[in-house]
Protein backbone atom coordinates (compact mmCIF):
# COMPACT_ATOMS: atom_id res chain seq x y z
CA MET A 1 128.01 98.57 117.58
CA SER A 2 128.44 95.84 120.19
CA ASN A 3 128.22 92.12 119.52
CA ASN A 4 125.17 91.94 121.81
CA ASN A 5 123.18 94.13 119.43
CA PRO A 6 124.41 93.32 115.92
CA ALA A 7 123.11 95.17 112.89
CA PRO A 8 120.47 93.26 110.89
CA VAL A 9 122.82 92.41 108.03
CA GLN A 10 125.49 91.30 110.48
CA SER A 11 122.92 89.12 112.25
CA VAL A 12 121.93 87.48 108.98
CA ASP A 13 125.57 86.81 108.15
CA ARG A 14 126.14 85.29 111.58
CA ALA A 15 122.99 83.16 111.35
CA LEU A 16 124.14 81.77 108.01
CA SER A 17 127.56 81.13 109.51
CA ILE A 18 125.89 79.09 112.25
CA LEU A 19 124.21 76.91 109.64
CA GLU A 20 127.57 76.36 107.96
CA ILE A 21 129.20 75.50 111.30
CA LEU A 22 126.49 72.96 112.13
CA ALA A 23 126.69 71.46 108.66
CA ARG A 24 130.44 71.06 109.01
CA ARG A 25 130.49 69.82 112.60
CA LYS A 26 127.23 67.83 112.53
CA GLY A 27 126.36 69.62 115.77
CA ALA A 28 127.81 72.07 118.29
CA GLY A 29 127.07 73.81 121.56
CA VAL A 30 126.37 77.48 122.20
CA THR A 31 129.82 78.11 123.63
CA GLU A 32 131.56 76.47 120.65
CA ILE A 33 129.46 78.40 118.16
CA GLY A 34 130.02 81.69 119.96
CA ARG A 35 133.75 81.07 120.02
CA GLU A 36 133.90 80.28 116.29
CA LEU A 37 131.79 83.32 115.43
CA GLY A 38 133.79 85.53 117.74
CA VAL A 39 130.71 86.67 119.66
CA HIS A 40 129.49 86.47 123.24
CA LYS A 41 127.62 83.31 124.24
CA SER A 42 124.40 85.31 124.75
CA THR A 43 124.53 86.58 121.15
CA ALA A 44 125.07 83.07 119.83
CA PHE A 45 122.14 81.86 121.94
CA ARG A 46 119.79 84.54 120.55
CA LEU A 47 120.75 83.69 116.98
CA LEU A 48 120.23 79.98 117.63
CA ALA A 49 116.85 80.68 119.23
CA ALA A 50 115.74 82.60 116.13
CA LEU A 51 116.89 79.79 113.85
CA GLU A 52 115.24 77.21 116.09
CA SER A 53 111.91 79.07 115.99
CA ARG A 54 111.92 78.69 112.20
CA GLY A 55 112.97 75.05 112.29
CA PHE A 56 116.40 75.61 110.76
CA VAL A 57 118.19 74.24 113.83
CA GLU A 58 117.07 71.97 116.64
CA GLN A 59 118.47 70.83 119.95
CA THR A 60 119.65 67.27 120.35
CA GLN A 61 118.73 65.11 123.32
CA GLU A 62 121.75 66.64 125.00
CA ARG A 63 120.32 70.07 125.80
CA GLY A 64 122.45 72.97 124.67
CA THR A 65 123.80 71.10 121.66
CA TYR A 66 122.36 72.06 118.30
CA ARG A 67 122.16 70.46 114.86
CA LEU A 68 120.54 71.37 111.56
CA GLY A 69 116.75 71.10 111.61
CA LEU A 70 114.08 70.01 109.17
CA GLY A 71 113.64 73.57 107.91
CA VAL A 72 116.93 73.20 106.04
CA VAL A 73 115.70 69.90 104.60
CA ARG A 74 112.52 71.58 103.34
CA LEU A 75 114.51 74.29 101.59
CA ALA A 76 116.88 71.74 100.09
CA GLY A 77 113.93 69.66 98.97
CA ALA A 78 112.34 72.63 97.22
CA VAL A 79 115.55 73.39 95.34
CA THR A 80 116.04 69.72 94.46
CA ALA A 81 112.47 69.48 93.18
CA GLN A 82 112.98 72.48 90.90
CA LEU A 83 116.26 71.10 89.62
CA ASP A 84 114.66 67.70 89.04
CA LEU A 85 111.73 69.33 87.24
CA SER A 86 114.04 71.22 84.90
CA ARG A 87 116.17 68.16 84.24
CA GLN A 88 113.27 65.77 83.75
CA GLY A 89 111.35 68.27 81.62
CA ASN A 90 114.11 69.32 79.23
CA GLU A 91 113.81 66.40 76.83
CA ALA A 92 110.03 66.62 76.49
CA CYS A 93 110.17 70.40 76.10
CA ASP A 94 112.93 70.25 73.49
CA ARG A 95 111.04 67.66 71.49
CA LEU A 96 107.74 69.55 71.64
CA ALA A 97 109.43 72.83 70.69
CA ALA A 98 111.09 71.13 67.73
CA ASP A 99 107.82 69.51 66.60
CA LEU A 100 105.71 72.66 66.88
CA GLY A 101 108.39 75.22 66.11
CA GLU A 102 107.25 77.36 69.04
CA THR A 103 108.52 78.24 72.52
CA VAL A 104 107.88 75.76 75.33
CA ASN A 105 108.16 76.64 79.03
CA ILE A 106 107.69 74.95 82.39
CA ALA A 107 106.51 77.19 85.22
CA ILE A 108 105.93 76.71 88.93
CA LEU A 109 103.79 78.59 91.42
CA ASP A 110 105.85 80.86 93.67
CA SER A 111 104.56 83.59 95.97
CA GLY A 112 101.42 84.20 93.96
CA ARG A 113 103.18 84.34 90.60
CA ALA A 114 104.14 81.85 87.89
CA VAL A 115 107.91 81.47 87.58
CA ASN A 116 109.42 79.84 84.51
CA VAL A 117 112.13 77.31 85.35
CA THR A 118 112.99 75.97 81.90
CA GLN A 119 112.53 76.98 78.27
CA SER A 120 112.98 75.44 74.84
CA ARG A 121 112.70 77.35 71.57
CA GLY A 122 111.45 75.94 68.29
CA ALA A 123 112.85 76.84 64.89
CA ALA A 124 109.87 79.06 64.05
CA SER A 125 110.03 81.01 67.31
CA ILE A 126 110.17 84.71 66.51
CA SER A 127 111.13 85.87 70.01
CA SER A 128 114.58 85.67 71.54
CA HIS A 129 113.25 86.60 74.97
CA ASN A 130 114.42 84.35 77.78
CA TRP A 131 111.51 83.66 80.16
CA VAL A 132 113.52 81.54 82.61
CA GLY A 133 113.39 83.03 86.10
CA ARG A 134 110.81 85.60 85.08
CA GLN A 135 107.71 86.00 87.24
CA THR A 136 104.45 86.31 85.34
CA PRO A 137 100.88 86.98 86.55
CA LEU A 138 98.66 83.97 87.21
CA HIS A 139 95.48 85.39 85.69
CA ALA A 140 97.01 86.58 82.41
CA THR A 141 99.19 83.62 81.34
CA SER A 142 98.25 80.08 80.35
CA SER A 143 100.66 78.49 82.84
CA GLY A 144 99.45 80.84 85.54
CA LYS A 145 95.80 79.97 84.93
CA VAL A 146 96.57 76.25 85.07
CA LEU A 147 98.52 76.64 88.30
CA LEU A 148 95.79 78.82 89.77
CA ALA A 149 93.05 76.41 88.72
CA PHE A 150 94.57 73.40 90.41
CA ALA A 151 95.75 75.31 93.46
CA GLN A 152 92.05 76.00 94.11
CA ALA A 153 93.03 79.58 94.92
CA GLU A 154 90.91 82.66 94.50
CA MET A 155 91.82 86.05 93.09
CA ALA A 156 89.74 89.12 93.79
CA ASP A 157 88.90 91.63 91.08
CA GLY A 158 91.30 94.11 92.64
CA ASP A 159 94.18 91.68 92.15
CA LEU A 160 93.53 91.28 88.42
CA GLU A 161 95.82 93.77 86.73
CA ARG A 162 95.07 94.65 83.12
CA PHE A 163 97.92 94.14 80.64
CA THR A 164 96.02 94.25 77.34
CA ALA A 165 92.45 94.83 76.22
CA ALA A 166 91.92 91.04 76.39
CA THR A 167 93.14 90.55 79.98
CA VAL A 168 90.51 88.97 82.22
CA THR A 169 89.93 91.38 85.11
CA ASP A 170 86.53 90.10 86.25
CA GLY A 171 86.78 87.61 89.12
CA ALA A 172 83.62 85.73 88.15
CA GLU A 173 84.82 85.26 84.58
CA LEU A 174 88.21 84.08 85.79
CA SER A 175 86.56 81.59 88.15
CA ARG A 176 84.50 80.25 85.24
CA GLN A 177 87.64 79.79 83.16
CA LEU A 178 89.47 78.05 86.00
CA ALA A 179 86.59 75.60 86.42
CA GLN A 180 86.75 74.93 82.67
CA ILE A 181 90.50 74.29 82.93
CA ARG A 182 89.98 71.75 85.72
CA GLU A 183 87.38 69.96 83.61
CA ALA A 184 89.29 70.02 80.31
CA GLY A 185 92.78 69.51 81.74
CA TRP A 186 94.29 72.45 79.87
CA GLY A 187 94.03 76.20 79.58
CA PHE A 188 94.92 79.01 77.23
CA THR A 189 95.42 82.74 76.92
CA ALA A 190 94.78 84.79 73.79
CA GLU A 191 96.71 88.06 73.79
CA GLU A 192 95.97 88.52 77.49
CA TYR A 193 99.51 89.26 78.68
CA GLU A 194 101.10 90.57 75.49
CA VAL A 195 99.38 91.72 72.32
CA GLY A 196 100.03 89.20 69.56
CA LEU A 197 101.04 86.36 71.91
CA ASN A 198 98.88 83.26 72.53
CA ALA A 199 99.64 80.24 74.70
CA VAL A 200 98.28 76.84 75.72
CA ALA A 201 99.24 75.03 78.95
CA ALA A 202 98.61 71.78 80.82
CA PRO A 203 99.43 70.64 84.36
CA ILE A 204 102.44 68.60 85.45
CA ARG A 205 101.81 66.35 88.45
CA GLY A 206 104.14 64.99 91.09
CA ALA A 207 104.36 61.59 92.72
CA ASP A 208 101.41 62.32 95.02
CA GLY A 209 99.20 63.38 92.11
CA SER A 210 99.16 67.06 92.96
CA VAL A 211 99.91 69.70 90.33
CA ILE A 212 103.49 70.91 90.79
CA ALA A 213 104.01 72.87 87.56
CA ALA A 214 102.56 73.77 84.18
CA LEU A 215 103.95 73.15 80.71
CA SER A 216 103.06 75.69 78.05
CA VAL A 217 103.50 76.39 74.37
CA SER A 218 103.43 80.02 73.27
CA GLY A 219 103.61 81.63 69.88
CA PRO A 220 102.36 84.48 67.70
CA ALA A 221 98.60 84.80 67.52
CA TYR A 222 98.59 84.65 63.71
CA ARG A 223 100.12 81.17 63.88
CA LEU A 224 98.93 79.85 67.23
CA ASP A 225 95.33 80.92 66.72
CA ARG A 226 92.23 79.90 68.67
CA ALA A 227 91.25 77.31 66.07
CA SER A 228 94.52 75.48 66.70
CA PHE A 229 94.17 75.41 70.51
CA PRO A 230 92.49 71.98 70.84
CA ALA A 231 95.05 70.23 68.64
CA ILE A 232 97.92 72.03 70.36
CA ALA A 233 96.42 71.13 73.73
CA GLU A 234 96.59 67.42 72.90
CA ARG A 235 100.32 67.72 72.28
CA VAL A 236 100.86 69.84 75.39
CA ILE A 237 98.88 67.42 77.58
CA ALA A 238 100.94 64.49 76.25
CA ALA A 239 104.22 66.29 76.95
CA ALA A 240 103.06 67.32 80.43
CA ALA A 241 102.03 63.72 81.13
CA GLU A 242 105.49 62.53 80.08
CA VAL A 243 107.15 64.95 82.48
CA SER A 244 104.66 63.97 85.19
CA GLY A 245 105.63 60.33 84.72
CA ARG A 246 109.29 61.24 85.08
CA MET A 247 108.44 63.06 88.30
CA GLY A 248 106.85 59.89 89.70
CA ALA A 249 103.18 60.48 88.90
CA SER A 250 101.03 57.50 87.98
CA PHE A 251 97.87 57.67 85.87
């Protein structure tokens, strides 16, 4: 296959190489980039045009010379924010897990799912499952409901997959619960994702006041029962507020 029509995987590899070249050189022209990649100038230009259309590279005032664009900064910022969230949340999560004896997680909203970015286990935790990196449904988890509530997003009935007999699959009922979460400042699930597992969650806010994550406590339904939810919620809200403060939020 010729350099003028590279295979998709080869094109991706070359595009990433261009980003590395620009990061190393602080800027370069089409001819220089083509020479370093070992491809024709026209191929280098097409790759640069694709990257430029997504904001990953931009041309300097000297036309034909490229540098890294703001798209790279946005990606770096997203990664940094997640790393900061994990780092700033660890202490509060560890302390809450130790106090309650249950599992504590922080989750973020990602592509319509809740993704856990950090986890702390209490002494009484009966599960050894690692939730970090795992995607979970928004409508069937406490963190997911909190994230969904404050994202002001809607989910249609057809999107509400059933996991247990208690899973909420009615859009109107879910909307009612989300409104309740916004009013109360916390949410819960009772055996809605896994039989025997309950959870309570509260929002974590960033410097601009928007909800950037959710902090949750989960445990067996026989111990973390519905009667305990309000008291648990107070602890979860306090821990989430602590993490929010560390992320720059003011109250």
